[in-house]
Amino acid sequence: MEDFSKKGFTLIEIVVVLGIFMLLLVGLGYLMLGAFRTQYVTFAQLQGQKEARTALENFVKEARRADTSSIGSYLIETATASAFTFYSDIDADTYREKVRYFLDGEIFKKGVIKPTGTPLTYNSANEVVATIAQNVISDQIFSFYDANYDGTTSALTFPVNVTDIRLAKITLTIEQDAYISPEPLIVTSQVEIRNLKE
């Protein structure tokens, strides 16, 4: 007769093997979770960079070409820390649109009003608003400088007299996720308004 008591695994051996297997699975799970989180952070930062870069490029292009409105108003209407409104022909037609860049909570937006009617008017009910960048954490987006700006001069103090403005500086501080992102993305650019050069 054969002795079967010596063959196979003991209960302790099975528990140890299962424990090691579970530790390996948990470790692999954490490794995969870390990889996915890193991928998410990287993608979010790249998306934020793209949004910010596009916003600044468009702002600079449009503000540089600011001109007297189609109804004869001064080319800059509003200049605050979080909003800048000016007139510019952004769609290459014969009229200058009223362009408003502004911060709404943590969303940086652009509003455009085309002049309509006879005589022409800028009806705020016709404003088309688009989201330019999200997760903006800075309250002061705009700084404005006068004709004396030499690169080191202080910005004009608020409230700004719009007729003193010669250069506008835009700074966006974007943080996609405060709990995950290593640090906020800060992008800045400045534009000298062509029709105000002296």
N, C-alpha and C. Protein backbone atom coordinates (compact mmCIF):
# COMPACT_ATOMS: atom_id res chain seq x y z
N MET A 1 0.82 -1.17 0.00
CA MET A 1 0.00 0.00 0.00
C MET A 1 0.88 1.25 0.00
N GLU A 2 0.43 2.24 -0.83
CA GLU A 2 1.22 3.48 -0.97
C GLU A 2 0.84 4.49 0.11
N ASP A 3 1.85 5.28 0.47
CA ASP A 3 1.61 6.32 1.47
C ASP A 3 1.36 7.65 0.74
N PHE A 4 0.12 8.12 0.75
CA PHE A 4 -0.26 9.35 0.04
C PHE A 4 -0.04 10.60 0.89
N SER A 5 0.32 10.48 2.09
CA SER A 5 0.46 11.63 2.97
C SER A 5 1.68 12.49 2.63
N LYS A 6 2.62 11.99 1.86
CA LYS A 6 3.84 12.72 1.54
C LYS A 6 3.75 13.45 0.20
N LYS A 7 2.71 13.24 -0.62
CA LYS A 7 2.62 13.84 -1.94
C LYS A 7 1.75 15.09 -1.89
N GLY A 8 2.03 16.10 -2.81
CA GLY A 8 1.20 17.29 -2.92
C GLY A 8 1.72 18.43 -2.06
N PHE A 9 0.96 19.49 -2.02
CA PHE A 9 1.33 20.70 -1.28
C PHE A 9 0.56 20.75 0.02
N THR A 10 1.22 21.28 1.01
CA THR A 10 0.52 21.47 2.27
C THR A 10 -0.29 22.76 2.20
N LEU A 11 -1.19 22.91 3.10
CA LEU A 11 -2.03 24.11 3.15
C LEU A 11 -1.19 25.36 3.34
N ILE A 12 -0.16 25.28 4.13
CA ILE A 12 0.72 26.43 4.37
C ILE A 12 1.45 26.81 3.09
N GLU A 13 1.92 25.84 2.33
CA GLU A 13 2.60 26.13 1.06
C GLU A 13 1.66 26.83 0.09
N ILE A 14 0.43 26.38 0.01
CA ILE A 14 -0.55 26.99 -0.89
C ILE A 14 -0.85 28.42 -0.47
N VAL A 15 -1.00 28.66 0.81
CA VAL A 15 -1.27 30.01 1.32
C VAL A 15 -0.09 30.93 1.02
N VAL A 16 1.14 30.46 1.21
CA VAL A 16 2.33 31.27 0.93
C VAL A 16 2.40 31.61 -0.55
N VAL A 17 2.18 30.64 -1.43
CA VAL A 17 2.23 30.88 -2.88
C VAL A 17 1.14 31.88 -3.28
N LEU A 18 -0.07 31.70 -2.76
CA LEU A 18 -1.16 32.64 -3.07
C LEU A 18 -0.84 34.04 -2.55
N GLY A 19 -0.23 34.14 -1.38
CA GLY A 19 0.15 35.44 -0.83
C GLY A 19 1.16 36.15 -1.71
N ILE A 20 2.19 35.40 -2.15
CA ILE A 20 3.21 35.98 -3.04
C ILE A 20 2.57 36.41 -4.36
N PHE A 21 1.68 35.57 -4.89
CA PHE A 21 0.99 35.89 -6.14
C PHE A 21 0.16 37.16 -5.99
N MET A 22 -0.54 37.30 -4.87
CA MET A 22 -1.36 38.49 -4.63
C MET A 22 -0.49 39.74 -4.49
N LEU A 23 0.65 39.61 -3.81
CA LEU A 23 1.56 40.75 -3.69
C LEU A 23 2.05 41.19 -5.06
N LEU A 24 2.38 40.23 -5.91
CA LEU A 24 2.82 40.56 -7.27
C LEU A 24 1.70 41.25 -8.06
N LEU A 25 0.48 40.77 -7.91
CA LEU A 25 -0.66 41.39 -8.61
C LEU A 25 -0.89 42.82 -8.12
N VAL A 26 -0.85 43.02 -6.81
CA VAL A 26 -1.05 44.37 -6.26
C VAL A 26 0.07 45.29 -6.74
N GLY A 27 1.30 44.83 -6.72
CA GLY A 27 2.43 45.63 -7.20
C GLY A 27 2.27 46.00 -8.66
N LEU A 28 1.87 45.04 -9.47
CA LEU A 28 1.64 45.30 -10.90
C LEU A 28 0.50 46.30 -11.09
N GLY A 29 -0.54 46.18 -10.27
CA GLY A 29 -1.67 47.12 -10.34
C GLY A 29 -1.23 48.54 -10.03
N TYR A 30 -0.43 48.71 -8.97
CA TYR A 30 0.07 50.04 -8.62
C TYR A 30 0.99 50.59 -9.71
N LEU A 31 1.80 49.74 -10.29
CA LEU A 31 2.67 50.16 -11.38
C LEU A 31 1.85 50.65 -12.57
N MET A 32 0.81 49.92 -12.92
CA MET A 32 -0.05 50.32 -14.04
C MET A 32 -0.81 51.61 -13.70
N LEU A 33 -1.28 51.73 -12.47
CA LEU A 33 -1.98 52.94 -12.05
C LEU A 33 -1.06 54.15 -12.14
N GLY A 34 0.17 54.00 -11.70
CA GLY A 34 1.16 55.08 -11.80
C GLY A 34 1.43 55.47 -13.24
N ALA A 35 1.52 54.47 -14.11
CA ALA A 35 1.75 54.76 -15.54
C ALA A 35 0.57 55.51 -16.14
N PHE A 36 -0.65 55.10 -15.81
CA PHE A 36 -1.83 55.79 -16.33
C PHE A 36 -1.91 57.22 -15.79
N ARG A 37 -1.59 57.40 -14.51
CA ARG A 37 -1.62 58.74 -13.93
C ARG A 37 -0.58 59.64 -14.59
N THR A 38 0.61 59.12 -14.82
CA THR A 38 1.65 59.89 -15.50
C THR A 38 1.21 60.26 -16.91
N GLN A 39 0.59 59.32 -17.60
CA GLN A 39 0.10 59.60 -18.95
C GLN A 39 -0.97 60.68 -18.91
N TYR A 40 -1.87 60.62 -17.94
CA TYR A 40 -2.93 61.62 -17.80
C TYR A 40 -2.35 63.00 -17.55
N VAL A 41 -1.40 63.09 -16.62
CA VAL A 41 -0.78 64.37 -16.29
C VAL A 41 -0.06 64.94 -17.51
N THR A 42 0.69 64.10 -18.20
CA THR A 42 1.41 64.55 -19.39
C THR A 42 0.44 65.05 -20.46
N PHE A 43 -0.61 64.30 -20.71
CA PHE A 43 -1.60 64.70 -21.71
C PHE A 43 -2.28 66.01 -21.31
N ALA A 44 -2.64 66.14 -20.04
CA ALA A 44 -3.30 67.35 -19.56
C ALA A 44 -2.38 68.56 -19.70
N GLN A 45 -1.10 68.39 -19.38
CA GLN A 45 -0.16 69.50 -19.51
C GLN A 45 0.04 69.88 -20.97
N LEU A 46 0.14 68.90 -21.85
CA LEU A 46 0.28 69.20 -23.27
C LEU A 46 -0.96 69.90 -23.81
N GLN A 47 -2.14 69.47 -23.37
CA GLN A 47 -3.38 70.11 -23.79
C GLN A 47 -3.42 71.55 -23.30
N GLY A 48 -3.01 71.77 -22.06
CA GLY A 48 -2.97 73.13 -21.51
C GLY A 48 -1.99 74.02 -22.26
N GLN A 49 -0.83 73.47 -22.61
CA GLN A 49 0.15 74.23 -23.39
C GLN A 49 -0.40 74.61 -24.75
N LYS A 50 -1.07 73.66 -25.39
CA LYS A 50 -1.64 73.93 -26.71
C LYS A 50 -2.70 75.02 -26.63
N GLU A 51 -3.62 74.92 -25.66
CA GLU A 51 -4.66 75.92 -25.49
C GLU A 51 -4.05 77.30 -25.24
N ALA A 52 -3.10 77.35 -24.34
CA ALA A 52 -2.49 78.63 -23.98
C ALA A 52 -1.73 79.24 -25.15
N ARG A 53 -0.97 78.43 -25.85
CA ARG A 53 -0.21 78.92 -27.00
C ARG A 53 -1.13 79.46 -28.08
N THR A 54 -2.20 78.74 -28.38
CA THR A 54 -3.16 79.18 -29.39
C THR A 54 -3.84 80.47 -28.95
N ALA A 55 -4.21 80.55 -27.67
CA ALA A 55 -4.87 81.76 -27.15
C ALA A 55 -3.96 82.97 -27.31
N LEU A 56 -2.70 82.82 -26.94
CA LEU A 56 -1.77 83.94 -27.04
C LEU A 56 -1.50 84.34 -28.48
N GLU A 57 -1.33 83.37 -29.36
CA GLU A 57 -1.08 83.69 -30.77
C GLU A 57 -2.24 84.48 -31.36
N ASN A 58 -3.47 84.04 -31.10
CA ASN A 58 -4.64 84.74 -31.63
C ASN A 58 -4.78 86.13 -31.01
N PHE A 59 -4.58 86.22 -29.71
CA PHE A 59 -4.69 87.51 -29.04
C PHE A 59 -3.69 88.50 -29.64
N VAL A 60 -2.45 88.09 -29.77
CA VAL A 60 -1.41 88.98 -30.30
C VAL A 60 -1.75 89.43 -31.72
N LYS A 61 -2.15 88.49 -32.54
CA LYS A 61 -2.49 88.82 -33.94
C LYS A 61 -3.63 89.83 -34.01
N GLU A 62 -4.66 89.61 -33.22
CA GLU A 62 -5.84 90.47 -33.27
C GLU A 62 -5.60 91.83 -32.62
N ALA A 63 -4.94 91.84 -31.47
CA ALA A 63 -4.69 93.11 -30.78
C ALA A 63 -3.70 93.98 -31.55
N ARG A 64 -2.75 93.37 -32.20
CA ARG A 64 -1.78 94.13 -32.99
C ARG A 64 -2.50 94.95 -34.07
N ARG A 65 -3.57 94.39 -34.64
CA ARG A 65 -4.30 95.05 -35.72
C ARG A 65 -5.48 95.88 -35.21
N ALA A 66 -5.56 96.14 -33.93
CA ALA A 66 -6.67 96.93 -33.38
C ALA A 66 -6.75 98.27 -34.10
N ASP A 67 -7.99 98.71 -34.33
CA ASP A 67 -8.21 99.95 -35.08
C ASP A 67 -9.51 100.59 -34.60
N THR A 68 -9.73 101.81 -35.02
CA THR A 68 -10.97 102.51 -34.68
C THR A 68 -12.16 101.65 -35.09
N SER A 69 -13.21 101.66 -34.27
CA SER A 69 -14.37 100.82 -34.56
C SER A 69 -15.04 101.26 -35.85
N SER A 70 -15.92 100.42 -36.35
CA SER A 70 -16.65 100.74 -37.59
C SER A 70 -17.62 101.89 -37.41
N ILE A 71 -17.87 102.29 -36.17
CA ILE A 71 -18.76 103.44 -35.93
C ILE A 71 -17.97 104.63 -35.38
N GLY A 72 -16.65 104.55 -35.41
CA GLY A 72 -15.80 105.67 -35.04
C GLY A 72 -15.32 105.72 -33.60
N SER A 73 -15.60 104.70 -32.80
CA SER A 73 -15.16 104.68 -31.40
C SER A 73 -13.65 104.43 -31.32
N TYR A 74 -13.06 104.87 -30.19
CA TYR A 74 -11.64 104.64 -29.95
C TYR A 74 -11.36 103.14 -30.00
N LEU A 75 -10.19 102.76 -30.45
CA LEU A 75 -9.90 101.35 -30.72
C LEU A 75 -9.84 100.45 -29.49
N ILE A 76 -9.65 101.01 -28.32
CA ILE A 76 -9.70 100.21 -27.08
C ILE A 76 -10.90 100.68 -26.27
N GLU A 77 -11.73 99.74 -25.88
CA GLU A 77 -12.92 100.10 -25.10
C GLU A 77 -12.71 99.87 -23.61
N THR A 78 -12.16 98.71 -23.25
CA THR A 78 -12.00 98.34 -21.84
C THR A 78 -10.63 97.71 -21.63
N ALA A 79 -10.00 98.07 -20.51
CA ALA A 79 -8.71 97.48 -20.17
C ALA A 79 -8.66 97.31 -18.65
N THR A 80 -8.90 96.09 -18.19
CA THR A 80 -8.83 95.77 -16.76
C THR A 80 -7.85 94.62 -16.57
N ALA A 81 -7.67 94.21 -15.34
CA ALA A 81 -6.75 93.10 -15.05
C ALA A 81 -7.24 91.78 -15.63
N SER A 82 -8.56 91.64 -15.79
CA SER A 82 -9.10 90.36 -16.27
C SER A 82 -9.90 90.47 -17.56
N ALA A 83 -9.91 91.65 -18.19
CA ALA A 83 -10.66 91.81 -19.44
C ALA A 83 -10.01 92.88 -20.31
N PHE A 84 -10.06 92.64 -21.62
CA PHE A 84 -9.52 93.59 -22.59
C PHE A 84 -10.44 93.57 -23.79
N THR A 85 -11.01 94.74 -24.10
CA THR A 85 -11.95 94.85 -25.22
C THR A 85 -11.41 95.87 -26.20
N PHE A 86 -11.35 95.48 -27.47
CA PHE A 86 -10.83 96.35 -28.52
C PHE A 86 -11.56 96.05 -29.81
N TYR A 87 -11.29 96.85 -30.83
CA TYR A 87 -11.91 96.67 -32.14
C TYR A 87 -10.83 96.25 -33.13
N SER A 88 -11.13 95.22 -33.91
CA SER A 88 -10.16 94.71 -34.88
C SER A 88 -10.90 93.93 -35.96
N ASP A 89 -10.40 94.01 -37.18
CA ASP A 89 -10.99 93.25 -38.28
C ASP A 89 -10.39 91.85 -38.24
N ILE A 90 -11.06 90.93 -37.56
CA ILE A 90 -10.50 89.59 -37.36
C ILE A 90 -10.91 88.60 -38.43
N ASP A 91 -11.86 88.99 -39.29
CA ASP A 91 -12.31 88.05 -40.32
C ASP A 91 -12.14 88.58 -41.74
N ALA A 92 -11.33 89.61 -41.90
CA ALA A 92 -10.96 90.16 -43.22
C ALA A 92 -12.16 90.62 -44.04
N ASP A 93 -13.21 91.10 -43.35
CA ASP A 93 -14.29 91.74 -44.09
C ASP A 93 -14.07 93.26 -44.00
N THR A 94 -15.02 94.05 -44.37
CA THR A 94 -14.81 95.50 -44.36
C THR A 94 -15.09 96.14 -43.01
N TYR A 95 -15.59 95.36 -42.04
CA TYR A 95 -15.95 95.90 -40.74
C TYR A 95 -15.00 95.41 -39.65
N ARG A 96 -14.89 96.24 -38.59
CA ARG A 96 -14.08 95.85 -37.44
C ARG A 96 -15.00 95.29 -36.36
N GLU A 97 -14.67 94.12 -35.90
CA GLU A 97 -15.46 93.46 -34.86
C GLU A 97 -15.02 93.98 -33.49
N LYS A 98 -15.96 93.92 -32.55
CA LYS A 98 -15.64 94.23 -31.16
C LYS A 98 -15.18 92.91 -30.54
N VAL A 99 -13.93 92.87 -30.10
CA VAL A 99 -13.32 91.65 -29.57
C VAL A 99 -13.09 91.84 -28.08
N ARG A 100 -13.57 90.89 -27.32
CA ARG A 100 -13.45 90.97 -25.86
C ARG A 100 -12.82 89.68 -25.35
N TYR A 101 -11.63 89.79 -24.77
CA TYR A 101 -10.99 88.68 -24.08
C TYR A 101 -11.24 88.89 -22.59
N PHE A 102 -11.71 87.84 -21.90
CA PHE A 102 -12.05 88.03 -20.50
C PHE A 102 -11.98 86.71 -19.73
N LEU A 103 -11.81 86.84 -18.43
CA LEU A 103 -11.77 85.70 -17.53
C LEU A 103 -13.13 85.55 -16.87
N ASP A 104 -13.70 84.35 -16.98
CA ASP A 104 -14.99 84.03 -16.37
C ASP A 104 -14.76 82.85 -15.42
N GLY A 105 -14.53 83.16 -14.15
CA GLY A 105 -14.17 82.11 -13.19
C GLY A 105 -12.76 81.61 -13.51
N GLU A 106 -12.66 80.34 -13.87
CA GLU A 106 -11.37 79.77 -14.27
C GLU A 106 -11.30 79.53 -15.77
N ILE A 107 -12.23 80.14 -16.51
CA ILE A 107 -12.28 79.94 -17.96
C ILE A 107 -11.96 81.25 -18.66
N PHE A 108 -10.97 81.21 -19.54
CA PHE A 108 -10.59 82.37 -20.33
C PHE A 108 -11.39 82.31 -21.62
N LYS A 109 -12.13 83.38 -21.91
CA LYS A 109 -13.05 83.38 -23.04
C LYS A 109 -12.78 84.54 -23.99
N LYS A 110 -13.35 84.39 -25.17
CA LYS A 110 -13.27 85.44 -26.19
C LYS A 110 -14.68 85.68 -26.70
N GLY A 111 -15.10 86.94 -26.68
CA GLY A 111 -16.40 87.32 -27.22
C GLY A 111 -16.21 88.20 -28.43
N VAL A 112 -17.01 87.98 -29.47
CA VAL A 112 -16.91 88.76 -30.70
C VAL A 112 -18.30 89.29 -31.05
N ILE A 113 -18.37 90.59 -31.34
CA ILE A 113 -19.62 91.20 -31.80
C ILE A 113 -19.36 91.84 -33.15
N LYS A 114 -20.11 91.43 -34.15
CA LYS A 114 -20.03 92.05 -35.48
C LYS A 114 -20.98 93.24 -35.50
N PRO A 115 -20.57 94.34 -36.14
CA PRO A 115 -21.49 95.48 -36.23
C PRO A 115 -22.62 95.15 -37.20
N THR A 116 -23.84 95.54 -36.82
CA THR A 116 -25.00 95.26 -37.67
C THR A 116 -25.92 96.47 -37.69
N GLY A 117 -26.85 96.46 -38.64
CA GLY A 117 -27.89 97.47 -38.71
C GLY A 117 -27.50 98.70 -39.49
N THR A 118 -28.49 99.59 -39.64
CA THR A 118 -28.27 100.87 -40.30
C THR A 118 -28.89 101.93 -39.42
N PRO A 119 -28.14 102.79 -38.79
CA PRO A 119 -26.68 102.84 -38.80
C PRO A 119 -26.09 101.66 -38.02
N LEU A 120 -24.81 101.43 -38.24
CA LEU A 120 -24.13 100.30 -37.59
C LEU A 120 -24.13 100.47 -36.07
N THR A 121 -24.32 99.35 -35.38
CA THR A 121 -24.21 99.31 -33.92
C THR A 121 -23.56 97.98 -33.51
N TYR A 122 -23.00 97.98 -32.32
CA TYR A 122 -22.46 96.75 -31.74
C TYR A 122 -23.45 96.29 -30.67
N ASN A 123 -24.31 95.38 -31.03
CA ASN A 123 -25.36 94.89 -30.13
C ASN A 123 -24.80 93.75 -29.28
N SER A 124 -24.71 93.96 -27.97
CA SER A 124 -24.12 92.94 -27.09
C SER A 124 -24.94 91.64 -27.08
N ALA A 125 -26.19 91.69 -27.49
CA ALA A 125 -27.00 90.47 -27.57
C ALA A 125 -26.51 89.55 -28.69
N ASN A 126 -25.75 90.10 -29.63
CA ASN A 126 -25.22 89.31 -30.75
C ASN A 126 -23.82 88.77 -30.49
N GLU A 127 -23.33 88.93 -29.27
CA GLU A 127 -21.96 88.48 -28.97
C GLU A 127 -21.86 86.96 -29.05
N VAL A 128 -20.84 86.50 -29.75
CA VAL A 128 -20.55 85.07 -29.84
C VAL A 128 -19.35 84.81 -28.94
N VAL A 129 -19.56 84.00 -27.91
CA VAL A 129 -18.51 83.74 -26.92
C VAL A 129 -17.97 82.33 -27.09
N ALA A 130 -16.64 82.23 -27.07
CA ALA A 130 -15.97 80.93 -27.19
C ALA A 130 -14.99 80.76 -26.03
N THR A 131 -14.85 79.53 -25.57
CA THR A 131 -13.86 79.21 -24.54
C THR A 131 -12.49 79.10 -25.19
N ILE A 132 -11.53 79.82 -24.64
CA ILE A 132 -10.18 79.83 -25.18
C ILE A 132 -9.26 78.92 -24.37
N ALA A 133 -9.34 79.00 -23.05
CA ALA A 133 -8.50 78.16 -22.18
C ALA A 133 -9.25 77.91 -20.88
N GLN A 134 -9.02 76.75 -20.31
CA GLN A 134 -9.67 76.38 -19.05
C GLN A 134 -8.63 76.22 -17.95
N ASN A 135 -9.12 76.16 -16.73
CA ASN A 135 -8.28 75.96 -15.54
C ASN A 135 -7.26 77.08 -15.34
N VAL A 136 -7.67 78.31 -15.64
CA VAL A 136 -6.81 79.48 -15.43
C VAL A 136 -6.91 79.86 -13.96
N ILE A 137 -5.78 79.90 -13.29
CA ILE A 137 -5.79 80.14 -11.84
C ILE A 137 -5.34 81.55 -11.46
N SER A 138 -4.91 82.36 -12.41
CA SER A 138 -4.49 83.71 -12.09
C SER A 138 -5.65 84.68 -12.26
N ASP A 139 -5.73 85.66 -11.37
CA ASP A 139 -6.78 86.67 -11.47
C ASP A 139 -6.38 87.80 -12.41
N GLN A 140 -5.10 88.14 -12.42
CA GLN A 140 -4.64 89.21 -13.30
C GLN A 140 -4.08 88.58 -14.57
N ILE A 141 -4.79 88.80 -15.66
CA ILE A 141 -4.39 88.27 -16.96
C ILE A 141 -3.63 89.33 -17.75
N PHE A 142 -4.10 90.57 -17.67
CA PHE A 142 -3.57 91.64 -18.52
C PHE A 142 -2.80 92.67 -17.71
N SER A 143 -1.76 93.19 -18.35
CA SER A 143 -1.01 94.35 -17.87
C SER A 143 -0.88 95.28 -19.07
N PHE A 144 -0.88 96.57 -18.81
CA PHE A 144 -0.84 97.54 -19.90
C PHE A 144 0.28 98.54 -19.66
N TYR A 145 0.90 98.99 -20.75
CA TYR A 145 2.04 99.88 -20.67
C TYR A 145 1.83 101.06 -21.60
N ASP A 146 2.46 102.19 -21.24
CA ASP A 146 2.32 103.39 -22.06
C ASP A 146 3.50 103.52 -23.02
N ALA A 147 3.62 104.68 -23.66
CA ALA A 147 4.66 104.92 -24.66
C ALA A 147 6.06 104.91 -24.06
N ASN A 148 6.20 105.05 -22.75
CA ASN A 148 7.51 105.08 -22.10
C ASN A 148 8.05 103.69 -21.77
N TYR A 149 7.33 102.65 -22.13
CA TYR A 149 7.75 101.28 -21.78
C TYR A 149 9.07 100.95 -22.47
N ASP A 150 10.04 100.51 -21.69
CA ASP A 150 11.36 100.16 -22.23
C ASP A 150 11.77 98.72 -21.90
N GLY A 151 10.83 97.94 -21.41
CA GLY A 151 11.13 96.55 -21.06
C GLY A 151 11.25 96.34 -19.57
N THR A 152 11.52 97.41 -18.84
CA THR A 152 11.65 97.29 -17.38
C THR A 152 10.67 98.20 -16.65
N THR A 153 9.99 99.06 -17.37
CA THR A 153 9.05 100.01 -16.77
C THR A 153 7.87 99.27 -16.14
N SER A 154 7.36 99.81 -15.05
CA SER A 154 6.19 99.21 -14.39
C SER A 154 4.95 99.39 -15.25
N ALA A 155 4.02 98.46 -15.07
CA ALA A 155 2.75 98.53 -15.80
C ALA A 155 1.92 99.71 -15.29
N LEU A 156 0.99 100.15 -16.12
CA LEU A 156 0.05 101.20 -15.72
C LEU A 156 -0.81 100.67 -14.57
N THR A 157 -1.18 101.54 -13.65
CA THR A 157 -2.01 101.11 -12.53
C THR A 157 -3.48 101.16 -12.93
N PHE A 158 -4.26 100.28 -12.30
CA PHE A 158 -5.69 100.22 -12.58
C PHE A 158 -6.43 101.21 -11.70
N PRO A 159 -7.45 101.86 -12.16
CA PRO A 159 -8.02 101.77 -13.51
C PRO A 159 -7.12 102.48 -14.53
N VAL A 160 -7.02 101.87 -15.69
CA VAL A 160 -6.14 102.36 -16.75
C VAL A 160 -6.92 103.31 -17.65
N ASN A 161 -6.28 104.43 -18.00
CA ASN A 161 -6.85 105.31 -19.02
C ASN A 161 -6.51 104.68 -20.37
N VAL A 162 -7.51 104.23 -21.12
CA VAL A 162 -7.27 103.45 -22.34
C VAL A 162 -6.48 104.23 -23.38
N THR A 163 -6.52 105.55 -23.35
CA THR A 163 -5.77 106.33 -24.34
C THR A 163 -4.27 106.33 -24.05
N ASP A 164 -3.86 105.90 -22.85
CA ASP A 164 -2.44 105.82 -22.52
C ASP A 164 -1.80 104.51 -22.99
N ILE A 165 -2.60 103.51 -23.30
CA ILE A 165 -2.09 102.18 -23.63
C ILE A 165 -1.40 102.17 -24.99
N ARG A 166 -0.20 101.59 -25.00
CA ARG A 166 0.52 101.36 -26.25
C ARG A 166 0.89 99.89 -26.41
N LEU A 167 0.99 99.20 -25.28
CA LEU A 167 1.39 97.80 -25.29
C LEU A 167 0.55 97.03 -24.28
N ALA A 168 0.11 95.85 -24.67
CA ALA A 168 -0.67 94.98 -23.77
C ALA A 168 0.11 93.70 -23.55
N LYS A 169 0.15 93.26 -22.31
CA LYS A 169 0.83 92.02 -21.96
C LYS A 169 -0.22 91.06 -21.41
N ILE A 170 -0.18 89.81 -21.86
CA ILE A 170 -1.12 88.80 -21.40
C ILE A 170 -0.32 87.68 -20.73
N THR A 171 -0.78 87.25 -19.57
CA THR A 171 -0.14 86.15 -18.84
C THR A 171 -1.23 85.19 -18.38
N LEU A 172 -1.13 83.95 -18.84
CA LEU A 172 -2.07 82.91 -18.42
C LEU A 172 -1.34 81.91 -17.53
N THR A 173 -1.88 81.65 -16.36
CA THR A 173 -1.36 80.63 -15.46
C THR A 173 -2.41 79.52 -15.41
N ILE A 174 -2.04 78.37 -15.95
CA ILE A 174 -2.99 77.27 -16.10
C ILE A 174 -2.52 76.08 -15.27
N GLU A 175 -3.45 75.53 -14.48
CA GLU A 175 -3.15 74.32 -13.71
C GLU A 175 -4.27 73.33 -13.97
N GLN A 176 -3.95 72.27 -14.70
CA GLN A 176 -4.96 71.30 -15.10
C GLN A 176 -5.55 70.58 -13.90
N ASP A 177 -4.72 70.16 -12.97
CA ASP A 177 -5.20 69.45 -11.78
C ASP A 177 -4.24 69.74 -10.63
N ALA A 178 -4.69 70.52 -9.68
CA ALA A 178 -3.82 70.96 -8.58
C ALA A 178 -3.28 69.81 -7.75
N TYR A 179 -3.97 68.68 -7.73
CA TYR A 179 -3.55 67.55 -6.90
C TYR A 179 -2.54 66.65 -7.61
N ILE A 180 -2.49 66.74 -8.93
CA ILE A 180 -1.62 65.84 -9.69
C ILE A 180 -0.50 66.59 -10.41
N SER A 181 -0.82 67.75 -11.00
CA SER A 181 0.16 68.49 -11.80
C SER A 181 1.36 68.88 -10.96
N PRO A 182 2.56 68.74 -11.53
CA PRO A 182 3.75 69.10 -10.77
C PRO A 182 3.80 70.60 -10.45
N GLU A 183 3.47 71.44 -11.42
CA GLU A 183 3.41 72.88 -11.19
C GLU A 183 2.59 73.52 -12.30
N PRO A 184 2.05 74.72 -12.04
CA PRO A 184 1.21 75.38 -13.05
C PRO A 184 2.03 75.78 -14.28
N LEU A 185 1.34 75.84 -15.40
CA LEU A 185 1.94 76.29 -16.66
C LEU A 185 1.72 77.79 -16.76
N ILE A 186 2.78 78.55 -16.97
CA ILE A 186 2.67 80.00 -17.11
C ILE A 186 3.16 80.37 -18.50
N VAL A 187 2.27 80.99 -19.28
CA VAL A 187 2.63 81.46 -20.61
C VAL A 187 2.33 82.95 -20.68
N THR A 188 3.19 83.67 -21.35
CA THR A 188 3.02 85.11 -21.44
C THR A 188 3.46 85.61 -22.81
N SER A 189 2.86 86.69 -23.22
CA SER A 189 3.23 87.35 -24.47
C SER A 189 2.83 88.81 -24.37
N GLN A 190 3.36 89.60 -25.24
CA GLN A 190 2.99 91.01 -25.26
C GLN A 190 2.84 91.47 -26.69
N VAL A 191 2.05 92.51 -26.86
CA VAL A 191 1.78 93.02 -28.20
C VAL A 191 1.75 94.54 -28.18
N GLU A 192 2.46 95.11 -29.13
CA GLU A 192 2.39 96.56 -29.32
C GLU A 192 1.30 96.82 -30.34
N ILE A 193 0.37 97.67 -29.99
CA ILE A 193 -0.76 97.95 -30.87
C ILE A 193 -0.28 98.85 -32.00
N ARG A 194 -0.31 98.30 -33.20
CA ARG A 194 0.29 98.94 -34.37
C ARG A 194 -0.24 100.36 -34.61
N ASN A 195 -1.52 100.57 -34.52
CA ASN A 195 -2.10 101.89 -34.81
C ASN A 195 -1.92 102.91 -33.70
N LEU A 196 -1.23 102.53 -32.64
CA LEU A 196 -0.96 103.47 -31.55
C LEU A 196 0.52 103.80 -31.43
N LYS A 197 1.33 103.28 -32.35
CA LYS A 197 2.76 103.59 -32.31
C LYS A 197 2.97 105.07 -32.55
N GLU A 198 3.93 105.63 -31.83
CA GLU A 198 4.21 107.06 -31.99
C GLU A 198 5.45 107.27 -32.80
